[in-house]
N, C-alpha and C. Protein backbone atom coordinates (compact mmCIF):
# COMPACT_ATOMS: atom_id res chain seq x y z
N MET A 1 5.52 18.49 -17.69
CA MET A 1 4.92 17.24 -18.20
C MET A 1 4.24 16.47 -17.06
N LYS A 2 3.06 15.90 -17.32
CA LYS A 2 2.34 15.13 -16.38
C LYS A 2 3.15 13.82 -16.04
N ASP A 3 3.00 13.43 -14.77
CA ASP A 3 3.55 12.23 -14.31
C ASP A 3 2.78 11.04 -15.07
N LYS A 4 3.56 10.03 -15.39
CA LYS A 4 3.04 8.86 -16.21
C LYS A 4 1.77 8.23 -15.52
N ARG A 5 1.84 8.20 -14.17
CA ARG A 5 0.75 7.65 -13.46
C ARG A 5 -0.53 8.46 -13.63
N VAL A 6 -0.30 9.77 -13.58
CA VAL A 6 -1.52 10.66 -13.73
C VAL A 6 -2.15 10.42 -15.07
N ILE A 7 -1.31 10.33 -16.12
CA ILE A 7 -1.80 10.17 -17.46
C ILE A 7 -2.54 8.87 -17.57
N PHE A 8 -1.87 7.80 -16.97
CA PHE A 8 -2.52 6.50 -16.93
C PHE A 8 -3.89 6.46 -16.33
N TYR A 9 -3.99 7.03 -15.05
CA TYR A 9 -5.27 7.05 -14.41
C TYR A 9 -6.31 7.93 -15.16
N ASP A 10 -5.87 9.07 -15.71
CA ASP A 10 -6.78 9.81 -16.58
C ASP A 10 -7.31 9.01 -17.77
N LYS A 11 -6.47 8.16 -18.41
CA LYS A 11 -6.93 7.43 -19.50
C LYS A 11 -7.86 6.33 -19.12
N ILE A 12 -7.55 5.51 -18.00
CA ILE A 12 -8.42 4.37 -17.67
C ILE A 12 -9.71 4.89 -17.03
N LYS A 13 -9.79 6.09 -16.62
CA LYS A 13 -11.06 6.61 -16.12
C LYS A 13 -12.20 6.63 -17.16
N GLN A 14 -11.75 6.68 -18.42
CA GLN A 14 -12.68 6.72 -19.56
C GLN A 14 -13.20 5.37 -19.95
N LEU A 15 -12.64 4.32 -19.40
CA LEU A 15 -12.98 2.95 -19.77
C LEU A 15 -14.17 2.43 -18.98
N ASP A 16 -14.74 1.35 -19.55
CA ASP A 16 -15.88 0.68 -18.87
C ASP A 16 -15.34 -0.01 -17.56
N ASP A 17 -16.22 -0.55 -16.79
CA ASP A 17 -15.80 -1.10 -15.48
C ASP A 17 -14.76 -2.11 -15.58
N VAL A 18 -15.06 -3.03 -16.51
CA VAL A 18 -14.12 -4.32 -16.59
C VAL A 18 -12.78 -3.89 -17.17
N GLU A 19 -12.82 -3.03 -18.20
CA GLU A 19 -11.53 -2.59 -18.78
C GLU A 19 -10.75 -1.73 -17.66
N TYR A 20 -11.43 -0.86 -16.94
CA TYR A 20 -10.80 -0.08 -15.92
C TYR A 20 -10.11 -1.03 -14.90
N LEU A 21 -10.87 -1.97 -14.44
CA LEU A 21 -10.40 -2.90 -13.42
C LEU A 21 -9.18 -3.72 -14.00
N THR A 22 -9.37 -4.17 -15.24
CA THR A 22 -8.25 -4.96 -15.83
C THR A 22 -6.92 -4.05 -15.89
N TYR A 23 -6.97 -2.84 -16.40
CA TYR A 23 -5.76 -2.04 -16.47
C TYR A 23 -5.23 -1.67 -15.09
N TYR A 24 -6.26 -1.34 -14.21
CA TYR A 24 -5.81 -0.96 -12.78
C TYR A 24 -5.11 -2.14 -12.13
N LEU A 25 -5.65 -3.33 -12.27
CA LEU A 25 -5.02 -4.49 -11.61
C LEU A 25 -3.72 -4.91 -12.27
N LYS A 26 -3.62 -4.79 -13.59
CA LYS A 26 -2.33 -5.10 -14.20
C LYS A 26 -1.26 -4.20 -13.70
N TYR A 27 -1.51 -2.88 -13.48
CA TYR A 27 -0.55 -2.03 -12.95
C TYR A 27 -0.20 -2.33 -11.49
N GLN A 28 -1.29 -2.46 -10.66
CA GLN A 28 -0.93 -2.67 -9.20
C GLN A 28 -0.36 -4.04 -8.92
N LEU A 29 -0.65 -5.06 -9.80
CA LEU A 29 -0.18 -6.37 -9.53
C LEU A 29 1.09 -6.69 -10.33
N ALA A 30 1.65 -5.66 -10.98
CA ALA A 30 2.86 -5.98 -11.79
C ALA A 30 3.92 -6.76 -11.11
N PRO A 31 4.37 -6.49 -9.87
CA PRO A 31 5.40 -7.38 -9.22
C PRO A 31 5.00 -8.77 -9.09
N VAL A 32 3.64 -9.09 -9.02
CA VAL A 32 3.19 -10.58 -8.95
C VAL A 32 3.25 -11.15 -10.37
N ILE A 33 2.67 -10.34 -11.25
CA ILE A 33 2.57 -10.79 -12.72
C ILE A 33 4.03 -11.05 -13.27
N MET A 34 4.96 -10.22 -12.87
CA MET A 34 6.24 -10.41 -13.40
C MET A 34 7.14 -11.32 -12.57
N GLY A 35 6.59 -11.93 -11.60
CA GLY A 35 7.27 -12.97 -10.82
C GLY A 35 8.17 -12.58 -9.73
N CYS A 36 8.18 -11.29 -9.35
CA CYS A 36 9.18 -10.83 -8.29
C CYS A 36 8.57 -10.75 -6.95
N LYS A 37 7.24 -11.05 -6.79
CA LYS A 37 6.51 -10.96 -5.56
C LYS A 37 5.36 -12.00 -5.55
N PRO A 38 5.25 -12.78 -4.46
CA PRO A 38 4.25 -13.85 -4.50
C PRO A 38 2.82 -13.41 -4.45
N SER A 39 2.51 -12.20 -3.82
CA SER A 39 1.16 -11.81 -3.70
C SER A 39 1.16 -10.29 -3.34
N ILE A 40 -0.09 -9.68 -3.48
CA ILE A 40 -0.34 -8.31 -3.07
C ILE A 40 -1.71 -8.20 -2.55
N THR A 41 -1.93 -7.42 -1.46
CA THR A 41 -3.24 -7.12 -1.04
C THR A 41 -3.61 -5.78 -1.62
N LEU A 42 -4.94 -5.68 -1.91
CA LEU A 42 -5.54 -4.38 -2.39
C LEU A 42 -6.85 -4.18 -1.80
N SER A 43 -7.24 -2.99 -1.60
CA SER A 43 -8.58 -2.58 -1.24
C SER A 43 -9.28 -2.08 -2.51
N LEU A 44 -10.27 -2.76 -2.87
CA LEU A 44 -10.99 -2.43 -4.10
C LEU A 44 -12.49 -2.19 -3.78
N GLY A 45 -12.95 -0.97 -4.25
CA GLY A 45 -14.34 -0.65 -3.97
C GLY A 45 -14.71 0.40 -4.93
N LYS A 46 -15.11 1.52 -4.39
CA LYS A 46 -15.36 2.74 -5.24
C LYS A 46 -14.12 3.39 -5.72
N LYS A 47 -13.77 3.18 -6.96
CA LYS A 47 -12.67 3.81 -7.63
C LYS A 47 -13.17 4.74 -8.72
N GLU A 48 -12.96 5.93 -8.61
CA GLU A 48 -13.39 6.82 -9.79
C GLU A 48 -14.85 6.66 -10.06
N GLY A 49 -15.66 6.45 -9.07
CA GLY A 49 -17.08 6.19 -9.24
C GLY A 49 -17.42 4.81 -9.74
N LYS A 50 -16.55 3.91 -9.74
CA LYS A 50 -16.86 2.45 -10.22
C LYS A 50 -16.90 1.61 -8.93
N LYS A 51 -17.88 0.78 -8.95
CA LYS A 51 -18.06 -0.25 -7.85
C LYS A 51 -17.80 -1.59 -8.38
N PHE A 52 -17.01 -2.42 -7.82
CA PHE A 52 -16.71 -3.71 -8.32
C PHE A 52 -17.24 -4.88 -7.48
N SER A 53 -17.88 -5.81 -8.11
CA SER A 53 -18.40 -6.95 -7.31
C SER A 53 -17.21 -7.95 -7.08
N LYS A 54 -17.35 -8.70 -6.08
CA LYS A 54 -16.22 -9.63 -5.90
C LYS A 54 -16.01 -10.67 -6.95
N ILE A 55 -17.19 -11.11 -7.59
CA ILE A 55 -17.05 -11.97 -8.71
C ILE A 55 -16.27 -11.33 -9.85
N LYS A 56 -16.58 -10.11 -10.21
CA LYS A 56 -15.89 -9.47 -11.18
C LYS A 56 -14.41 -9.30 -10.91
N ILE A 57 -14.10 -8.90 -9.67
CA ILE A 57 -12.68 -8.82 -9.25
C ILE A 57 -11.96 -10.06 -9.44
N LEU A 58 -12.49 -11.13 -8.92
CA LEU A 58 -11.85 -12.46 -8.96
C LEU A 58 -11.68 -12.91 -10.45
N LYS A 59 -12.71 -12.62 -11.27
CA LYS A 59 -12.62 -13.10 -12.69
C LYS A 59 -11.44 -12.19 -13.39
N VAL A 60 -11.36 -11.00 -13.14
CA VAL A 60 -10.29 -10.32 -13.75
C VAL A 60 -8.94 -10.76 -13.27
N ILE A 61 -8.77 -10.95 -12.05
CA ILE A 61 -7.44 -11.49 -11.47
C ILE A 61 -7.15 -12.86 -12.11
N ASN A 62 -8.14 -13.73 -12.20
CA ASN A 62 -7.95 -15.07 -12.88
C ASN A 62 -7.48 -14.82 -14.33
N GLY A 63 -8.07 -13.83 -15.03
CA GLY A 63 -7.73 -13.57 -16.38
C GLY A 63 -6.31 -13.05 -16.56
N LEU A 64 -5.66 -12.62 -15.47
CA LEU A 64 -4.37 -12.13 -15.50
C LEU A 64 -3.40 -13.28 -15.24
N GLY A 65 -3.95 -14.47 -15.14
CA GLY A 65 -3.10 -15.61 -14.77
C GLY A 65 -2.79 -15.78 -13.25
N LEU A 66 -3.47 -15.14 -12.46
CA LEU A 66 -3.30 -15.16 -11.06
C LEU A 66 -4.47 -15.74 -10.30
N LYS A 67 -4.49 -16.04 -8.99
CA LYS A 67 -5.58 -16.46 -8.25
C LYS A 67 -5.87 -15.28 -7.30
N GLY A 68 -7.10 -15.25 -6.75
CA GLY A 68 -7.45 -14.22 -5.80
C GLY A 68 -8.33 -14.77 -4.77
N ILE A 69 -8.25 -14.14 -3.59
CA ILE A 69 -9.24 -14.45 -2.43
C ILE A 69 -9.65 -13.19 -1.87
N ILE A 70 -10.88 -13.03 -1.44
CA ILE A 70 -11.46 -11.91 -0.72
C ILE A 70 -11.12 -12.12 0.74
N LEU A 71 -10.27 -11.33 1.30
CA LEU A 71 -9.92 -11.42 2.72
C LEU A 71 -10.97 -10.83 3.60
N ARG A 72 -11.58 -9.81 3.15
CA ARG A 72 -12.56 -9.13 3.98
C ARG A 72 -13.46 -8.30 3.10
N GLU A 73 -14.79 -8.09 3.49
CA GLU A 73 -15.61 -7.31 2.70
C GLU A 73 -16.14 -6.19 3.74
N THR A 74 -16.28 -5.02 3.24
CA THR A 74 -16.93 -3.96 4.02
C THR A 74 -18.06 -3.51 3.21
N SER A 75 -18.81 -2.46 3.75
CA SER A 75 -19.84 -1.95 2.85
C SER A 75 -19.32 -1.14 1.73
N THR A 76 -18.10 -0.78 1.73
CA THR A 76 -17.48 0.17 0.63
C THR A 76 -16.36 -0.52 -0.16
N ALA A 77 -15.84 -1.58 0.38
CA ALA A 77 -14.70 -2.22 -0.30
C ALA A 77 -14.54 -3.72 -0.08
N HIS A 78 -13.74 -4.34 -0.96
CA HIS A 78 -13.22 -5.69 -0.83
C HIS A 78 -11.72 -5.61 -0.61
N ILE A 79 -11.34 -6.33 0.38
CA ILE A 79 -9.90 -6.44 0.67
C ILE A 79 -9.51 -7.79 -0.07
N VAL A 80 -8.62 -7.71 -0.99
CA VAL A 80 -8.32 -8.87 -1.96
C VAL A 80 -6.81 -9.19 -1.78
N LEU A 81 -6.54 -10.46 -1.70
CA LEU A 81 -5.17 -11.00 -1.90
C LEU A 81 -5.13 -11.60 -3.26
N ALA A 82 -4.36 -11.06 -4.15
CA ALA A 82 -4.11 -11.64 -5.45
C ALA A 82 -2.67 -12.20 -5.41
N TYR A 83 -2.65 -13.54 -5.92
CA TYR A 83 -1.44 -14.29 -5.71
C TYR A 83 -1.08 -15.29 -6.85
N CYS A 84 0.18 -15.61 -6.84
CA CYS A 84 0.67 -16.74 -7.69
C CYS A 84 0.64 -17.98 -7.00
N LYS A 85 -0.20 -18.99 -7.34
CA LYS A 85 -0.31 -20.16 -6.59
C LYS A 85 0.99 -20.86 -6.29
N CYS A 86 1.73 -20.99 -7.25
CA CYS A 86 2.99 -21.72 -7.12
C CYS A 86 4.02 -20.94 -6.13
N SER A 87 3.98 -19.62 -6.13
CA SER A 87 4.80 -18.90 -5.18
C SER A 87 4.21 -19.09 -3.75
N ILE A 88 3.01 -19.14 -3.54
CA ILE A 88 2.47 -19.45 -2.22
C ILE A 88 2.89 -20.84 -1.75
N GLU A 89 2.84 -21.77 -2.69
CA GLU A 89 3.27 -23.21 -2.36
C GLU A 89 4.68 -23.24 -2.00
N ASN A 90 5.47 -22.38 -2.63
CA ASN A 90 6.97 -22.28 -2.30
C ASN A 90 7.16 -21.80 -0.88
N ILE A 91 6.36 -20.76 -0.56
CA ILE A 91 6.46 -20.30 0.76
C ILE A 91 6.07 -21.29 1.83
N LEU A 92 4.99 -22.05 1.52
CA LEU A 92 4.52 -23.13 2.51
C LEU A 92 5.53 -24.26 2.58
N ALA A 93 6.38 -24.39 1.65
CA ALA A 93 7.38 -25.42 1.64
C ALA A 93 8.69 -24.99 2.29
N SER A 94 8.85 -23.71 2.50
CA SER A 94 10.12 -23.11 3.23
C SER A 94 10.11 -23.37 4.66
N PRO A 95 11.09 -23.99 5.19
CA PRO A 95 11.12 -24.34 6.63
C PRO A 95 10.84 -23.06 7.52
N LYS A 96 11.57 -22.02 7.22
CA LYS A 96 11.41 -20.83 8.10
C LYS A 96 9.98 -20.26 8.13
N GLU A 97 9.38 -20.17 6.95
CA GLU A 97 8.08 -19.63 6.86
C GLU A 97 7.06 -20.61 7.45
N ARG A 98 7.29 -21.94 7.27
CA ARG A 98 6.45 -22.97 7.77
C ARG A 98 6.38 -22.87 9.37
N GLU A 99 7.56 -22.65 9.86
CA GLU A 99 7.65 -22.56 11.37
C GLU A 99 6.78 -21.40 11.91
N VAL A 100 6.83 -20.23 11.25
CA VAL A 100 6.07 -19.16 11.74
C VAL A 100 4.51 -19.48 11.58
N LEU A 101 4.20 -20.01 10.44
CA LEU A 101 2.76 -20.28 10.16
C LEU A 101 2.18 -21.37 11.04
N GLU A 102 3.00 -22.42 11.32
CA GLU A 102 2.60 -23.60 12.14
C GLU A 102 2.33 -23.16 13.47
N GLN A 103 3.11 -22.22 14.01
CA GLN A 103 2.84 -21.72 15.34
C GLN A 103 1.49 -20.97 15.53
N LEU A 104 1.01 -20.55 14.40
CA LEU A 104 -0.29 -19.87 14.48
C LEU A 104 -1.43 -20.79 14.02
N GLY A 105 -1.16 -22.08 13.90
CA GLY A 105 -2.14 -23.00 13.54
C GLY A 105 -2.56 -23.20 12.06
N TYR A 106 -1.75 -22.70 11.23
CA TYR A 106 -2.02 -22.79 9.74
C TYR A 106 -1.98 -24.17 9.21
N PRO A 107 -2.98 -24.63 8.51
CA PRO A 107 -2.84 -25.90 7.80
C PRO A 107 -1.93 -25.59 6.54
N LEU A 108 -0.91 -26.44 6.40
CA LEU A 108 0.08 -26.14 5.37
C LEU A 108 0.14 -27.22 4.33
N HIS A 109 -0.88 -28.04 4.22
CA HIS A 109 -0.90 -29.03 3.12
C HIS A 109 -1.23 -28.56 1.71
N SER A 110 -1.85 -27.28 1.74
CA SER A 110 -2.22 -26.82 0.39
C SER A 110 -2.31 -25.19 0.48
N ALA A 111 -2.05 -24.60 -0.68
CA ALA A 111 -2.29 -23.14 -0.65
C ALA A 111 -3.64 -22.70 -0.29
N TYR A 112 -4.60 -23.41 -0.85
CA TYR A 112 -6.04 -23.22 -0.61
C TYR A 112 -6.33 -23.19 0.83
N ALA A 113 -5.88 -24.26 1.61
CA ALA A 113 -6.17 -24.39 3.03
C ALA A 113 -5.49 -23.26 3.86
N ALA A 114 -4.18 -22.98 3.50
CA ALA A 114 -3.53 -22.01 4.19
C ALA A 114 -4.20 -20.53 3.97
N LEU A 115 -4.61 -20.28 2.78
CA LEU A 115 -5.21 -18.96 2.49
C LEU A 115 -6.57 -18.85 3.08
N ALA A 116 -7.37 -20.09 3.13
CA ALA A 116 -8.67 -19.97 3.78
C ALA A 116 -8.43 -19.61 5.27
N TYR A 117 -7.48 -20.21 5.90
CA TYR A 117 -7.17 -19.92 7.31
C TYR A 117 -6.68 -18.41 7.50
N LEU A 118 -5.90 -17.93 6.53
CA LEU A 118 -5.58 -16.52 6.56
C LEU A 118 -6.81 -15.63 6.55
N ARG A 119 -7.70 -16.05 5.68
CA ARG A 119 -9.00 -15.22 5.62
C ARG A 119 -9.69 -15.18 6.94
N LYS A 120 -9.77 -16.34 7.69
CA LYS A 120 -10.35 -16.34 9.06
C LYS A 120 -9.60 -15.48 9.96
N ARG A 121 -8.24 -15.54 9.93
CA ARG A 121 -7.33 -14.65 10.78
C ARG A 121 -7.57 -13.22 10.42
N TYR A 122 -7.77 -12.95 9.18
CA TYR A 122 -7.93 -11.52 8.65
C TYR A 122 -9.23 -11.03 9.25
N GLU A 123 -10.24 -11.76 9.25
CA GLU A 123 -11.50 -11.34 9.93
C GLU A 123 -11.40 -11.03 11.45
N TYR A 124 -10.68 -11.92 12.01
CA TYR A 124 -10.47 -11.81 13.54
C TYR A 124 -9.44 -10.67 13.83
N CYS A 125 -8.42 -10.59 13.19
CA CYS A 125 -7.29 -9.65 13.53
C CYS A 125 -7.34 -8.39 12.73
N HIS A 126 -8.09 -8.41 11.65
CA HIS A 126 -8.22 -7.26 10.72
C HIS A 126 -7.12 -7.17 9.78
N CYS A 127 -5.85 -7.43 10.27
CA CYS A 127 -4.79 -7.51 9.37
C CYS A 127 -3.62 -8.27 10.15
N PRO A 128 -3.69 -9.59 10.13
CA PRO A 128 -2.73 -10.37 10.96
C PRO A 128 -1.24 -10.06 10.49
N PRO A 129 -0.30 -10.06 11.35
CA PRO A 129 1.03 -9.66 11.04
C PRO A 129 1.72 -10.72 10.14
N GLU A 130 1.27 -12.01 10.36
CA GLU A 130 1.85 -13.07 9.53
C GLU A 130 1.48 -12.84 8.03
N LEU A 131 0.59 -11.98 7.71
CA LEU A 131 0.26 -11.74 6.28
C LEU A 131 1.52 -11.50 5.52
N GLY A 132 2.58 -10.80 6.16
CA GLY A 132 3.78 -10.54 5.50
C GLY A 132 4.43 -11.68 4.94
N THR A 133 4.29 -12.86 5.61
CA THR A 133 4.85 -14.11 5.14
C THR A 133 4.33 -14.45 3.67
N PHE A 134 3.01 -14.33 3.52
CA PHE A 134 2.37 -14.54 2.19
C PHE A 134 2.73 -13.57 1.24
N LEU A 135 3.03 -12.36 1.59
CA LEU A 135 3.43 -11.22 0.76
C LEU A 135 4.81 -11.30 0.22
N GLY A 136 5.57 -12.21 0.94
CA GLY A 136 6.98 -12.34 0.49
C GLY A 136 7.95 -11.52 1.25
N PHE A 137 7.62 -10.97 2.41
CA PHE A 137 8.42 -10.25 3.15
C PHE A 137 9.45 -11.22 3.80
N PRO A 138 10.66 -10.86 4.12
CA PRO A 138 11.68 -11.67 4.77
C PRO A 138 11.16 -12.18 6.16
N VAL A 139 11.31 -13.47 6.38
CA VAL A 139 10.71 -13.97 7.64
C VAL A 139 11.28 -13.35 8.84
N GLU A 140 12.51 -12.98 8.81
CA GLU A 140 13.10 -12.22 9.98
C GLU A 140 12.35 -10.95 10.30
N ASP A 141 12.04 -10.16 9.26
CA ASP A 141 11.29 -8.96 9.49
C ASP A 141 9.86 -9.24 9.89
N VAL A 142 9.26 -10.25 9.40
CA VAL A 142 7.95 -10.62 9.85
C VAL A 142 8.01 -10.97 11.29
N LYS A 143 8.88 -11.86 11.68
CA LYS A 143 8.98 -12.28 13.08
C LYS A 143 9.23 -11.04 14.04
N ASP A 144 10.10 -10.20 13.67
CA ASP A 144 10.41 -8.93 14.46
C ASP A 144 9.16 -8.08 14.58
N TYR A 145 8.41 -7.94 13.53
CA TYR A 145 7.18 -7.12 13.47
C TYR A 145 6.17 -7.78 14.38
N MET A 146 5.95 -9.14 14.27
CA MET A 146 5.00 -9.87 15.09
C MET A 146 5.25 -9.75 16.57
N CYS A 147 6.49 -9.77 17.02
CA CYS A 147 6.81 -9.74 18.41
C CYS A 147 6.97 -8.29 18.94
N GLY A 148 6.79 -7.29 18.03
CA GLY A 148 6.96 -5.90 18.55
C GLY A 148 8.40 -5.61 18.99
N THR A 149 9.32 -5.97 18.09
CA THR A 149 10.67 -5.77 18.38
C THR A 149 11.07 -4.37 18.91
N LYS A 150 12.10 -4.34 19.61
CA LYS A 150 12.72 -3.12 20.01
C LYS A 150 13.75 -2.57 18.98
N LYS A 151 14.06 -3.37 17.93
CA LYS A 151 15.00 -3.00 17.00
C LYS A 151 14.48 -1.77 16.23
N LYS A 152 15.45 -1.04 15.82
CA LYS A 152 15.10 0.21 15.02
C LYS A 152 14.65 -0.15 13.63
N CYS A 153 13.62 0.41 13.11
CA CYS A 153 13.10 0.17 11.81
C CYS A 153 14.04 0.91 10.85
N LEU A 154 14.72 0.19 10.03
CA LEU A 154 15.79 0.65 9.16
C LEU A 154 15.29 1.34 7.88
N LEU A 155 14.04 0.94 7.45
CA LEU A 155 13.44 1.49 6.18
C LEU A 155 11.94 1.05 6.25
N CYS A 156 11.13 1.97 5.92
CA CYS A 156 9.67 1.57 5.79
C CYS A 156 9.29 1.82 4.35
N GLY A 157 8.90 0.85 3.63
CA GLY A 157 8.47 0.92 2.29
C GLY A 157 7.36 -0.10 2.05
N TYR A 158 7.65 -1.16 1.26
CA TYR A 158 6.69 -2.30 1.12
C TYR A 158 6.46 -2.93 2.42
N TRP A 159 7.34 -3.02 3.26
CA TRP A 159 7.29 -3.54 4.60
C TRP A 159 8.16 -2.79 5.54
N GLN A 160 8.04 -3.00 6.80
CA GLN A 160 8.97 -2.41 7.77
C GLN A 160 10.27 -3.29 7.85
N VAL A 161 11.39 -2.74 7.54
CA VAL A 161 12.59 -3.47 7.43
C VAL A 161 13.42 -3.22 8.79
N TYR A 162 13.69 -4.42 9.36
CA TYR A 162 14.53 -4.41 10.59
C TYR A 162 15.84 -5.15 10.39
N ASN A 163 15.98 -5.83 9.37
CA ASN A 163 17.18 -6.69 9.02
C ASN A 163 17.54 -6.50 7.58
N ASN A 164 18.79 -6.73 7.20
CA ASN A 164 19.27 -6.70 5.93
C ASN A 164 18.78 -5.60 4.99
N LEU A 165 19.06 -4.43 5.36
CA LEU A 165 18.72 -3.18 4.65
C LEU A 165 18.99 -3.33 3.20
N CYS A 166 20.31 -3.66 2.84
CA CYS A 166 20.72 -3.68 1.38
C CYS A 166 19.79 -4.61 0.59
N GLU A 167 19.52 -5.81 1.05
CA GLU A 167 18.63 -6.74 0.33
C GLU A 167 17.31 -6.20 0.21
N ALA A 168 16.72 -5.52 1.22
CA ALA A 168 15.40 -4.99 1.20
C ALA A 168 15.29 -3.83 0.09
N GLU A 169 16.39 -2.97 0.07
CA GLU A 169 16.47 -1.99 -0.97
C GLU A 169 16.40 -2.57 -2.38
N LYS A 170 17.09 -3.66 -2.60
CA LYS A 170 17.11 -4.33 -3.92
C LYS A 170 15.64 -4.79 -4.26
N ILE A 171 15.07 -5.34 -3.23
CA ILE A 171 13.73 -5.85 -3.45
C ILE A 171 12.75 -4.75 -3.76
N PHE A 172 12.79 -3.70 -2.99
CA PHE A 172 11.96 -2.53 -3.30
C PHE A 172 12.18 -2.09 -4.66
N LYS A 173 13.43 -1.94 -5.07
CA LYS A 173 13.72 -1.47 -6.50
C LYS A 173 13.19 -2.41 -7.55
N ALA A 174 13.23 -3.78 -7.26
CA ALA A 174 12.73 -4.71 -8.21
C ALA A 174 11.17 -4.45 -8.37
N TYR A 175 10.46 -4.31 -7.24
CA TYR A 175 9.02 -4.07 -7.25
C TYR A 175 8.70 -2.78 -7.99
N ASP A 176 9.47 -1.72 -7.76
CA ASP A 176 9.20 -0.45 -8.43
C ASP A 176 9.45 -0.58 -9.90
N LYS A 177 10.52 -1.27 -10.29
CA LYS A 177 10.91 -1.51 -11.69
C LYS A 177 9.77 -2.24 -12.39
N ALA A 178 9.25 -3.29 -11.76
CA ALA A 178 8.15 -3.99 -12.42
C ALA A 178 6.96 -3.18 -12.62
N LYS A 179 6.62 -2.33 -11.64
CA LYS A 179 5.49 -1.45 -11.79
C LYS A 179 5.75 -0.41 -12.96
N GLU A 180 7.04 0.05 -12.96
CA GLU A 180 7.38 1.10 -14.05
C GLU A 180 7.32 0.53 -15.38
N THR A 181 7.77 -0.76 -15.51
CA THR A 181 7.77 -1.49 -16.80
C THR A 181 6.39 -1.73 -17.23
N MET A 182 5.47 -2.11 -16.36
CA MET A 182 4.12 -2.41 -16.63
C MET A 182 3.41 -1.15 -17.01
N LEU A 183 3.64 -0.06 -16.29
CA LEU A 183 3.01 1.23 -16.56
C LEU A 183 3.33 1.64 -18.00
N THR A 184 4.60 1.57 -18.32
CA THR A 184 5.06 2.05 -19.66
C THR A 184 4.31 1.16 -20.77
N SER A 185 4.29 -0.19 -20.64
CA SER A 185 3.51 -0.99 -21.44
C SER A 185 2.05 -0.73 -21.59
N LEU A 186 1.46 -0.46 -20.44
CA LEU A 186 -0.08 -0.16 -20.52
C LEU A 186 -0.30 1.14 -21.13
N LEU A 187 0.48 2.20 -20.84
CA LEU A 187 0.33 3.47 -21.50
C LEU A 187 0.46 3.41 -22.96
N ASP A 188 1.48 2.65 -23.43
CA ASP A 188 1.67 2.41 -24.95
C ASP A 188 0.40 1.74 -25.54
N GLU A 189 -0.18 0.85 -24.73
CA GLU A 189 -1.33 0.13 -25.28
C GLU A 189 -2.53 0.98 -25.32
N LEU A 190 -2.77 1.82 -24.29
CA LEU A 190 -3.86 2.77 -24.18
C LEU A 190 -3.76 3.87 -25.21
N ILE A 191 -2.57 4.28 -25.56
CA ILE A 191 -2.39 5.39 -26.51
C ILE A 191 -2.74 4.71 -27.93
N LYS A 192 -2.34 3.48 -28.20
CA LYS A 192 -2.74 2.92 -29.45
C LYS A 192 -4.19 2.68 -29.62
N ILE A 193 -4.96 2.40 -28.62
CA ILE A 193 -6.35 2.19 -28.78
C ILE A 193 -7.24 3.47 -28.64
N SER A 194 -6.59 4.51 -28.27
CA SER A 194 -7.40 5.74 -28.18
C SER A 194 -7.40 6.58 -29.41
């Protein structure tokens, strides 16, 4: 039997650009949509012969109840951060995360200002290590990654884990469960409309 993801991608290939993008993003952003992750970065461009404008991408993300920002554009793709605004505000209010971001010059008075600064850092650094803070990675792991720690990487999954392996495994499972739940729901919906 085919893997559910293969069936899902086969089905959405048949859809028009906006429907394809909507289903694709619902699946990829499931941990954010379901509230277990503050944000996700994606590279969106030519997917199955479909090319998406940044306006279309951001409109679909907004339609999912999230916000989006284009971190970088290339000739073939848009690097997008899709996020829950209130989750980003919570990160900016957390003393440990604030400390990391303040050291790098981030304005912390609003999610918009901080993410605009992240976009500048992204252009300059291509993928600044503090991005992990916005993605909800534990601040201890972000700090270790930023300073090039000599600690052994305990697990590499959604991020490189240097501390608290058990907690990281629980979080990884929660992200995977959110994607699996969303995938099942989307497949049911696609089967009903086909």
